[in-house]
Amino acid sequence: MRTLPHPDFVALLARADVNQARFARLAGVTARQVNNWCRGRAAVPRWAAILALTLQEITADRLKLALEERDFGRHEALGTPPAAGAPTTRPVMTTLALSDRPDEAGTEPQMIRCNASNEKARTGRDSKAL
């Protein structure tokens, strides 16, 4: 499989009107890594090229908003089977809560999602309905 040449990656970012720093934030990588791809110091990963292509069709803000609006079910958020009960989900929720804490490397949206899943499991209701 051939890799995308770095000048082509730079052109994709320019066509998408996204600078290196913004692309790095959106992709969850360092700005230095994106700069390395743009300067040819490192091969551009296939997923990064696909994301850059996608950004030509849909704006970065719209893409982030679509992800935030996606309503994941409790089992999807926890990675457990849909019919899993409290004995199965409780240890998973505890592990996720510890890893998703913003002071531990998680983010605020991850923690909110984890807390909502925990509340839904605890009460048997969706927190949006409260």
C-alpha atoms as a PDB file:
ATOM      1  CA  MET A   1       0.000   0.000   0.000  1.00  0.00           C
ATOM      2  CA  ARG A   2       1.433   3.358  -0.968  1.00  0.00           C
ATOM      3  CA  THR A   3       1.568   6.226   1.463  1.00  0.00           C
ATOM      4  CA  LEU A   4       0.368   9.743   0.818  1.00  0.00           C
ATOM      5  CA  PRO A   5       3.274  12.068  -0.029  1.00  0.00           C
ATOM      6  CA  HIS A   6       3.661  14.926   2.439  1.00  0.00           C
ATOM      7  CA  PRO A   7       3.030  17.720  -0.125  1.00  0.00           C
ATOM      8  CA  ASP A   8      -0.315  16.079  -0.912  1.00  0.00           C
ATOM      9  CA  PHE A   9      -1.200  15.977   2.786  1.00  0.00           C
ATOM     10  CA  VAL A  10      -0.350  19.679   3.120  1.00  0.00           C
ATOM     11  CA  ALA A  11      -2.581  20.378   0.109  1.00  0.00           C
ATOM     12  CA  LEU A  12      -5.448  18.384   1.669  1.00  0.00           C
ATOM     13  CA  LEU A  13      -5.218  20.443   4.853  1.00  0.00           C
ATOM     14  CA  ALA A  14      -5.166  23.673   2.843  1.00  0.00           C
ATOM     15  CA  ARG A  15      -8.213  22.632   0.795  1.00  0.00           C
ATOM     16  CA  ALA A  16     -10.040  21.776   4.007  1.00  0.00           C
ATOM     17  CA  ASP A  17      -9.026  25.177   5.455  1.00  0.00           C
ATOM     18  CA  VAL A  18      -7.589  23.505   8.563  1.00  0.00           C
ATOM     19  CA  ASN A  19      -4.184  24.426   9.945  1.00  0.00           C
ATOM     20  CA  GLN A  20      -1.799  21.906  11.498  1.00  0.00           C
ATOM     21  CA  ALA A  21      -2.627  22.805  15.101  1.00  0.00           C
ATOM     22  CA  ARG A  22      -6.384  22.516  14.559  1.00  0.00           C
ATOM     23  CA  PHE A  23      -5.964  19.203  12.745  1.00  0.00           C
ATOM     24  CA  ALA A  24      -3.854  17.936  15.635  1.00  0.00           C
ATOM     25  CA  ARG A  25      -6.520  18.895  18.199  1.00  0.00           C
ATOM     26  CA  LEU A  26      -9.255  17.313  16.103  1.00  0.00           C
ATOM     27  CA  ALA A  27      -7.277  14.106  15.509  1.00  0.00           C
ATOM     28  CA  GLY A  28      -6.014  13.788  19.081  1.00  0.00           C
ATOM     29  CA  VAL A  29      -2.335  13.900  18.172  1.00  0.00           C
ATOM     30  CA  THR A  30       0.374  16.427  18.890  1.00  0.00           C
ATOM     31  CA  ALA A  31       0.937  19.413  16.635  1.00  0.00           C
ATOM     32  CA  ARG A  32       4.535  18.244  16.340  1.00  0.00           C
ATOM     33  CA  GLN A  33       3.374  14.934  14.842  1.00  0.00           C
ATOM     34  CA  VAL A  34       1.222  16.706  12.251  1.00  0.00           C
ATOM     35  CA  ASN A  35       4.163  18.969  11.460  1.00  0.00           C
ATOM     36  CA  ASN A  36       6.338  15.887  10.964  1.00  0.00           C
ATOM     37  CA  TRP A  37       3.798  14.527   8.474  1.00  0.00           C
ATOM     38  CA  CYS A  38       3.664  17.859   6.657  1.00  0.00           C
ATOM     39  CA  ARG A  39       7.451  18.114   6.393  1.00  0.00           C
ATOM     40  CA  GLY A  40       7.953  14.509   5.319  1.00  0.00           C
ATOM     41  CA  ARG A  41       9.767  13.492   8.510  1.00  0.00           C
ATOM     42  CA  ALA A  42       7.182  10.787   9.160  1.00  0.00           C
ATOM     43  CA  ALA A  43       4.788   8.873   6.930  1.00  0.00           C
ATOM     44  CA  VAL A  44       1.216  10.156   6.911  1.00  0.00           C
ATOM     45  CA  PRO A  45      -1.024   7.452   8.431  1.00  0.00           C
ATOM     46  CA  ARG A  46      -3.926   6.315   6.305  1.00  0.00           C
ATOM     47  CA  TRP A  47      -6.496   7.454   8.900  1.00  0.00           C
ATOM     48  CA  ALA A  48      -5.025  10.979   8.917  1.00  0.00           C
ATOM     49  CA  ALA A  49      -5.268  11.201   5.132  1.00  0.00           C
ATOM     50  CA  ILE A  50      -8.875   9.974   5.271  1.00  0.00           C
ATOM     51  CA  LEU A  51      -9.712  12.545   7.958  1.00  0.00           C
ATOM     52  CA  ALA A  52      -8.130  15.322   5.891  1.00  0.00           C
ATOM     53  CA  LEU A  53     -10.195  14.206   2.883  1.00  0.00           C
ATOM     54  CA  THR A  54     -13.353  14.118   5.002  1.00  0.00           C
ATOM     55  CA  LEU A  55     -12.698  17.655   6.235  1.00  0.00           C
ATOM     56  CA  GLN A  56     -13.053  18.876   2.656  1.00  0.00           C
ATOM     57  CA  GLU A  57     -16.688  17.719   2.698  1.00  0.00           C
ATOM     58  CA  ILE A  58     -17.653  18.527   6.285  1.00  0.00           C
ATOM     59  CA  THR A  59     -16.244  21.183   8.595  1.00  0.00           C
ATOM     60  CA  ALA A  60     -14.296  20.222  11.688  1.00  0.00           C
ATOM     61  CA  ASP A  61     -16.878  21.927  13.912  1.00  0.00           C
ATOM     62  CA  ARG A  62     -19.724  20.035  12.281  1.00  0.00           C
ATOM     63  CA  LEU A  63     -17.835  16.771  12.628  1.00  0.00           C
ATOM     64  CA  LYS A  64     -17.213  17.382  16.351  1.00  0.00           C
ATOM     65  CA  LEU A  65     -20.834  18.408  16.868  1.00  0.00           C
ATOM     66  CA  ALA A  66     -22.080  15.226  15.170  1.00  0.00           C
ATOM     67  CA  LEU A  67     -19.970  13.149  17.547  1.00  0.00           C
ATOM     68  CA  GLU A  68     -21.165  15.074  20.601  1.00  0.00           C
ATOM     69  CA  GLU A  69     -24.807  14.713  19.542  1.00  0.00           C
ATOM     70  CA  ARG A  70     -24.484  10.982  19.026  1.00  0.00           C
ATOM     71  CA  ASP A  71     -26.477   9.376  21.816  1.00  0.00           C
ATOM     72  CA  PHE A  72     -24.643   6.249  22.884  1.00  0.00           C
ATOM     73  CA  GLY A  73     -26.601   3.669  24.797  1.00  0.00           C
ATOM     74  CA  ARG A  74     -25.375   2.612  28.218  1.00  0.00           C
ATOM     75  CA  HIS A  75     -23.987  -0.670  26.906  1.00  0.00           C
ATOM     76  CA  GLU A  76     -22.188   1.133  24.064  1.00  0.00           C
ATOM     77  CA  ALA A  77     -20.610   3.598  26.477  1.00  0.00           C
ATOM     78  CA  LEU A  78     -19.515   0.796  28.776  1.00  0.00           C
ATOM     79  CA  GLY A  79     -18.628  -1.763  26.107  1.00  0.00           C
ATOM     80  CA  THR A  80     -20.869  -4.409  27.674  1.00  0.00           C
ATOM     81  CA  PRO A  81     -23.593  -6.592  26.122  1.00  0.00           C
ATOM     82  CA  PRO A  82     -27.028  -4.891  25.896  1.00  0.00           C
ATOM     83  CA  ALA A  83     -28.627  -7.347  28.343  1.00  0.00           C
ATOM     84  CA  ALA A  84     -25.832  -7.048  30.940  1.00  0.00           C
ATOM     85  CA  GLY A  85     -27.037  -6.438  34.455  1.00  0.00           C
ATOM     86  CA  ALA A  86     -25.563  -4.496  37.360  1.00  0.00           C
ATOM     87  CA  PRO A  87     -23.105  -7.246  38.421  1.00  0.00           C
ATOM     88  CA  THR A  88     -21.479  -7.044  34.972  1.00  0.00           C
ATOM     89  CA  THR A  89     -21.631  -3.305  34.448  1.00  0.00           C
ATOM     90  CA  ARG A  90     -20.581  -2.086  37.924  1.00  0.00           C
ATOM     91  CA  PRO A  91     -16.874  -3.097  37.639  1.00  0.00           C
ATOM     92  CA  VAL A  92     -16.706  -1.666  34.117  1.00  0.00           C
ATOM     93  CA  MET A  93     -18.245   1.620  35.275  1.00  0.00           C
ATOM     94  CA  THR A  94     -15.757   1.854  38.130  1.00  0.00           C
ATOM     95  CA  THR A  95     -12.795   1.257  35.795  1.00  0.00           C
ATOM     96  CA  LEU A  96     -14.084   3.808  33.272  1.00  0.00           C
ATOM     97  CA  ALA A  97     -14.760   6.366  35.981  1.00  0.00           C
ATOM     98  CA  LEU A  98     -11.187   6.082  37.211  1.00  0.00           C
ATOM     99  CA  SER A  99      -9.660   6.344  33.729  1.00  0.00           C
ATOM    100  CA  ASP A 100     -12.041   9.021  32.364  1.00  0.00           C
ATOM    101  CA  ARG A 101     -11.472  11.521  35.159  1.00  0.00           C
ATOM    102  CA  PRO A 102     -10.198  14.796  33.681  1.00  0.00           C
ATOM    103  CA  ASP A 103      -7.366  14.901  36.211  1.00  0.00           C
ATOM    104  CA  GLU A 104      -6.208  11.436  35.114  1.00  0.00           C
ATOM    105  CA  ALA A 105      -6.003  11.856  31.276  1.00  0.00           C
ATOM    106  CA  GLY A 106      -9.701  11.693  30.530  1.00  0.00           C
ATOM    107  CA  THR A 107     -11.811  14.588  29.347  1.00  0.00           C
ATOM    108  CA  GLU A 108     -14.869  16.314  30.750  1.00  0.00           C
ATOM    109  CA  PRO A 109     -17.184  14.885  28.021  1.00  0.00           C
ATOM    110  CA  GLN A 110     -15.887  11.362  28.750  1.00  0.00           C
ATOM    111  CA  MET A 111     -16.612  11.811  32.446  1.00  0.00           C
ATOM    112  CA  ILE A 112     -20.089  13.203  31.762  1.00  0.00           C
ATOM    113  CA  ARG A 113     -20.864  10.217  29.528  1.00  0.00           C
ATOM    114  CA  CYS A 114     -19.580   7.786  32.150  1.00  0.00           C
ATOM    115  CA  ASN A 115     -21.620   9.481  34.898  1.00  0.00           C
ATOM    116  CA  ALA A 116     -24.777   9.428  32.751  1.00  0.00           C
ATOM    117  CA  SER A 117     -24.291   5.710  32.073  1.00  0.00           C
ATOM    118  CA  ASN A 118     -23.752   5.082  35.769  1.00  0.00           C
ATOM    119  CA  GLU A 119     -26.910   7.027  36.690  1.00  0.00           C
ATOM    120  CA  LYS A 120     -28.957   5.184  34.078  1.00  0.00           C
ATOM    121  CA  ALA A 121     -27.757   1.831  35.377  1.00  0.00           C
ATOM    122  CA  ARG A 122     -28.382   2.819  38.971  1.00  0.00           C
ATOM    123  CA  THR A 123     -31.891   4.183  38.478  1.00  0.00           C
ATOM    124  CA  GLY A 124     -32.939   2.185  35.449  1.00  0.00           C
ATOM    125  CA  ARG A 125     -33.850   5.449  33.671  1.00  0.00           C
ATOM    126  CA  ASP A 126     -32.199   7.687  31.145  1.00  0.00           C
ATOM    127  CA  SER A 127     -30.801  10.849  32.792  1.00  0.00           C
ATOM    128  CA  LYS A 128     -32.297  13.001  29.992  1.00  0.00           C
ATOM    129  CA  ALA A 129     -35.773  11.987  31.114  1.00  0.00           C
ATOM    130  CA  LEU A 130     -35.190  13.331  34.644  1.00  0.00           C
END
